[in-house]
Amino acid sequence: MTILHQEEPLLAKVVGVEDTSRESPVPTEPPPVVVLRSVDQQREEKRGEIALLLVRLLAGLGAGALALLASAGWLRLDIASIKEILTVVFPSVVALVGTVIGFYFGGRVETSASRRGTTGHGRPNP
């Protein structure tokens, strides 16, 4: 009667611990980089995002209006009603975009002027 004896592994296996001896000691991905921004930087970023969003809205409205006018004959739409809708909507969006862009660039001038120690008009702060 022969009893086969299996060899014990050289490393004792501990319950709950994984064998990481074959893994690379170098991490596969770098740790995340945390960028700290001041409130002013975050405000400028949000102002820019809002201004860009509204400019895109204006561009989309203009492209949609052109597409609607171009396809009015094919869709059998009345051009006078399209024109009436656009005369109500388009000036409102243009005024909104103009106000936001003015606010955005006005805020940038004030911020850069305060860093230089002058007012927004190039005069020194009192």
C-alpha atoms as a PDB file:
ATOM      1  CA  MET A   1       0.000   0.000   0.000  1.00  0.00           C
ATOM      2  CA  THR A   2       1.509   3.216  -1.138  1.00  0.00           C
ATOM      3  CA  ILE A   3       0.438   6.566   0.221  1.00  0.00           C
ATOM      4  CA  LEU A   4       1.138   9.503  -1.976  1.00  0.00           C
ATOM      5  CA  HIS A   5       2.402  12.462  -0.096  1.00  0.00           C
ATOM      6  CA  GLN A   6       1.721  15.866  -1.599  1.00  0.00           C
ATOM      7  CA  GLU A   7       4.379  18.444  -1.049  1.00  0.00           C
ATOM      8  CA  GLU A   8       3.450  21.405   1.108  1.00  0.00           C
ATOM      9  CA  PRO A   9       3.867  24.799  -0.552  1.00  0.00           C
ATOM     10  CA  LEU A  10       6.898  26.706   0.576  1.00  0.00           C
ATOM     11  CA  LEU A  11       4.811  29.656   1.753  1.00  0.00           C
ATOM     12  CA  ALA A  12       2.183  28.948   4.328  1.00  0.00           C
ATOM     13  CA  LYS A  13      -1.186  30.242   3.280  1.00  0.00           C
ATOM     14  CA  VAL A  14      -2.718  32.645   5.770  1.00  0.00           C
ATOM     15  CA  VAL A  15      -6.472  32.887   5.740  1.00  0.00           C
ATOM     16  CA  GLY A  16      -7.709  36.253   4.412  1.00  0.00           C
ATOM     17  CA  VAL A  17      -4.380  37.310   2.907  1.00  0.00           C
ATOM     18  CA  GLU A  18      -3.826  37.197  -0.826  1.00  0.00           C
ATOM     19  CA  ASP A  19      -0.567  36.087  -2.348  1.00  0.00           C
ATOM     20  CA  THR A  20       0.883  39.205  -3.961  1.00  0.00           C
ATOM     21  CA  SER A  21       4.391  37.874  -4.492  1.00  0.00           C
ATOM     22  CA  ARG A  22       3.890  37.705  -8.274  1.00  0.00           C
ATOM     23  CA  GLU A  23       2.458  41.206  -8.643  1.00  0.00           C
ATOM     24  CA  SER A  24       4.574  44.160  -9.640  1.00  0.00           C
ATOM     25  CA  PRO A  25       5.615  46.374  -6.716  1.00  0.00           C
ATOM     26  CA  VAL A  26       5.047  49.445  -8.912  1.00  0.00           C
ATOM     27  CA  PRO A  27       1.462  50.757  -8.816  1.00  0.00           C
ATOM     28  CA  THR A  28      -0.313  50.434 -12.140  1.00  0.00           C
ATOM     29  CA  GLU A  29      -1.914  53.882 -12.089  1.00  0.00           C
ATOM     30  CA  PRO A  30      -0.727  57.103 -10.469  1.00  0.00           C
ATOM     31  CA  PRO A  31      -2.568  58.488  -7.482  1.00  0.00           C
ATOM     32  CA  PRO A  32      -5.201  61.111  -8.272  1.00  0.00           C
ATOM     33  CA  VAL A  33      -4.062  64.701  -8.393  1.00  0.00           C
ATOM     34  CA  VAL A  34      -6.093  67.068  -6.275  1.00  0.00           C
ATOM     35  CA  VAL A  35      -6.144  70.592  -7.658  1.00  0.00           C
ATOM     36  CA  LEU A  36      -7.203  73.220  -5.172  1.00  0.00           C
ATOM     37  CA  ARG A  37      -8.735  76.322  -6.699  1.00  0.00           C
ATOM     38  CA  SER A  38      -9.726  79.487  -4.970  1.00  0.00           C
ATOM     39  CA  VAL A  39     -13.298  80.737  -4.907  1.00  0.00           C
ATOM     40  CA  ASP A  40     -12.392  83.423  -7.463  1.00  0.00           C
ATOM     41  CA  GLN A  41     -11.012  80.804  -9.848  1.00  0.00           C
ATOM     42  CA  GLN A  42     -14.116  78.649  -9.435  1.00  0.00           C
ATOM     43  CA  ARG A  43     -16.351  81.678 -10.013  1.00  0.00           C
ATOM     44  CA  GLU A  44     -14.478  82.571 -13.208  1.00  0.00           C
ATOM     45  CA  GLU A  45     -14.771  78.994 -14.418  1.00  0.00           C
ATOM     46  CA  LYS A  46     -18.535  78.905 -13.826  1.00  0.00           C
ATOM     47  CA  ARG A  47     -19.026  82.300 -15.466  1.00  0.00           C
ATOM     48  CA  GLY A  48     -17.157  81.051 -18.514  1.00  0.00           C
ATOM     49  CA  GLU A  49     -19.232  77.856 -18.645  1.00  0.00           C
ATOM     50  CA  ILE A  50     -22.502  79.816 -18.449  1.00  0.00           C
ATOM     51  CA  ALA A  51     -21.367  82.288 -21.111  1.00  0.00           C
ATOM     52  CA  LEU A  52     -20.282  79.462 -23.418  1.00  0.00           C
ATOM     53  CA  LEU A  53     -23.564  77.626 -22.865  1.00  0.00           C
ATOM     54  CA  LEU A  54     -25.603  80.699 -23.796  1.00  0.00           C
ATOM     55  CA  VAL A  55     -23.472  81.408 -26.875  1.00  0.00           C
ATOM     56  CA  ARG A  56     -24.076  77.819 -27.955  1.00  0.00           C
ATOM     57  CA  LEU A  57     -27.797  78.330 -27.323  1.00  0.00           C
ATOM     58  CA  LEU A  58     -27.768  81.407 -29.554  1.00  0.00           C
ATOM     59  CA  ALA A  59     -25.851  79.558 -32.282  1.00  0.00           C
ATOM     60  CA  GLY A  60     -28.250  76.617 -32.066  1.00  0.00           C
ATOM     61  CA  LEU A  61     -31.235  78.934 -32.256  1.00  0.00           C
ATOM     62  CA  GLY A  62     -29.799  80.640 -35.326  1.00  0.00           C
ATOM     63  CA  ALA A  63     -29.014  77.317 -37.016  1.00  0.00           C
ATOM     64  CA  GLY A  64     -32.465  75.986 -36.150  1.00  0.00           C
ATOM     65  CA  ALA A  65     -34.125  79.109 -37.529  1.00  0.00           C
ATOM     66  CA  LEU A  66     -32.201  78.802 -40.786  1.00  0.00           C
ATOM     67  CA  ALA A  67     -33.051  75.107 -41.049  1.00  0.00           C
ATOM     68  CA  LEU A  68     -36.708  75.823 -40.346  1.00  0.00           C
ATOM     69  CA  LEU A  69     -36.839  78.570 -42.964  1.00  0.00           C
ATOM     70  CA  ALA A  70     -35.033  76.381 -45.488  1.00  0.00           C
ATOM     71  CA  SER A  71     -37.436  73.497 -44.964  1.00  0.00           C
ATOM     72  CA  ALA A  72     -40.600  75.624 -44.714  1.00  0.00           C
ATOM     73  CA  GLY A  73     -41.654  74.833 -48.285  1.00  0.00           C
ATOM     74  CA  TRP A  74     -41.060  71.112 -47.840  1.00  0.00           C
ATOM     75  CA  LEU A  75     -42.952  71.023 -44.521  1.00  0.00           C
ATOM     76  CA  ARG A  76     -45.655  73.348 -45.870  1.00  0.00           C
ATOM     77  CA  LEU A  77     -45.195  75.874 -43.073  1.00  0.00           C
ATOM     78  CA  ASP A  78     -46.196  79.506 -43.263  1.00  0.00           C
ATOM     79  CA  ILE A  79     -43.072  81.667 -43.354  1.00  0.00           C
ATOM     80  CA  ALA A  80     -44.961  84.582 -41.771  1.00  0.00           C
ATOM     81  CA  SER A  81     -45.701  82.530 -38.630  1.00  0.00           C
ATOM     82  CA  ILE A  82     -42.075  81.370 -38.432  1.00  0.00           C
ATOM     83  CA  LYS A  83     -40.939  84.982 -38.735  1.00  0.00           C
ATOM     84  CA  GLU A  84     -43.359  86.054 -36.006  1.00  0.00           C
ATOM     85  CA  ILE A  85     -42.064  83.398 -33.608  1.00  0.00           C
ATOM     86  CA  LEU A  86     -38.447  84.308 -34.340  1.00  0.00           C
ATOM     87  CA  THR A  87     -39.098  88.035 -33.783  1.00  0.00           C
ATOM     88  CA  VAL A  88     -40.296  87.177 -30.273  1.00  0.00           C
ATOM     89  CA  VAL A  89     -37.689  84.581 -29.304  1.00  0.00           C
ATOM     90  CA  PHE A  90     -34.506  85.730 -31.038  1.00  0.00           C
ATOM     91  CA  PRO A  91     -34.205  89.270 -29.546  1.00  0.00           C
ATOM     92  CA  SER A  92     -34.819  87.901 -26.049  1.00  0.00           C
ATOM     93  CA  VAL A  93     -32.055  85.326 -26.383  1.00  0.00           C
ATOM     94  CA  VAL A  94     -29.682  87.888 -27.920  1.00  0.00           C
ATOM     95  CA  ALA A  95     -30.336  90.278 -25.007  1.00  0.00           C
ATOM     96  CA  LEU A  96     -29.763  87.477 -22.487  1.00  0.00           C
ATOM     97  CA  VAL A  97     -26.526  86.357 -24.129  1.00  0.00           C
ATOM     98  CA  GLY A  98     -25.307  89.955 -24.394  1.00  0.00           C
ATOM     99  CA  THR A  99     -26.018  90.579 -20.721  1.00  0.00           C
ATOM    100  CA  VAL A 100     -24.268  87.411 -19.580  1.00  0.00           C
ATOM    101  CA  ILE A 101     -21.225  87.997 -21.791  1.00  0.00           C
ATOM    102  CA  GLY A 102     -21.017  91.598 -20.572  1.00  0.00           C
ATOM    103  CA  PHE A 103     -21.229  90.394 -16.987  1.00  0.00           C
ATOM    104  CA  TYR A 104     -18.560  87.755 -17.653  1.00  0.00           C
ATOM    105  CA  PHE A 105     -16.066  90.119 -19.269  1.00  0.00           C
ATOM    106  CA  GLY A 106     -16.924  92.906 -16.823  1.00  0.00           C
ATOM    107  CA  GLY A 107     -16.137  90.549 -13.943  1.00  0.00           C
ATOM    108  CA  ARG A 108     -12.849  89.610 -15.569  1.00  0.00           C
ATOM    109  CA  VAL A 109     -11.845  93.259 -15.930  1.00  0.00           C
ATOM    110  CA  GLU A 110     -12.690  93.978 -12.284  1.00  0.00           C
ATOM    111  CA  THR A 111     -10.792  90.892 -11.111  1.00  0.00           C
ATOM    112  CA  SER A 112      -7.662  91.678 -13.109  1.00  0.00           C
ATOM    113  CA  ALA A 113      -7.840  95.354 -12.141  1.00  0.00           C
ATOM    114  CA  SER A 114      -8.058  94.526  -8.440  1.00  0.00           C
ATOM    115  CA  ARG A 115      -4.949  92.378  -8.784  1.00  0.00           C
ATOM    116  CA  ARG A 116      -3.085  95.299 -10.377  1.00  0.00           C
ATOM    117  CA  GLY A 117      -4.315  97.754  -7.767  1.00  0.00           C
ATOM    118  CA  THR A 118      -6.338  99.877 -10.194  1.00  0.00           C
ATOM    119  CA  THR A 119     -10.002 100.348 -10.936  1.00  0.00           C
ATOM    120  CA  GLY A 120     -11.536  98.832 -14.043  1.00  0.00           C
ATOM    121  CA  HIS A 121     -10.879 102.110 -15.907  1.00  0.00           C
ATOM    122  CA  GLY A 122      -7.105 102.119 -15.388  1.00  0.00           C
ATOM    123  CA  ARG A 123      -7.116 104.595 -12.493  1.00  0.00           C
ATOM    124  CA  PRO A 124      -5.441 103.697  -9.172  1.00  0.00           C
ATOM    125  CA  ASN A 125      -7.684 102.520  -6.335  1.00  0.00           C
ATOM    126  CA  PRO A 126      -8.409 105.290  -3.807  1.00  0.00           C
END
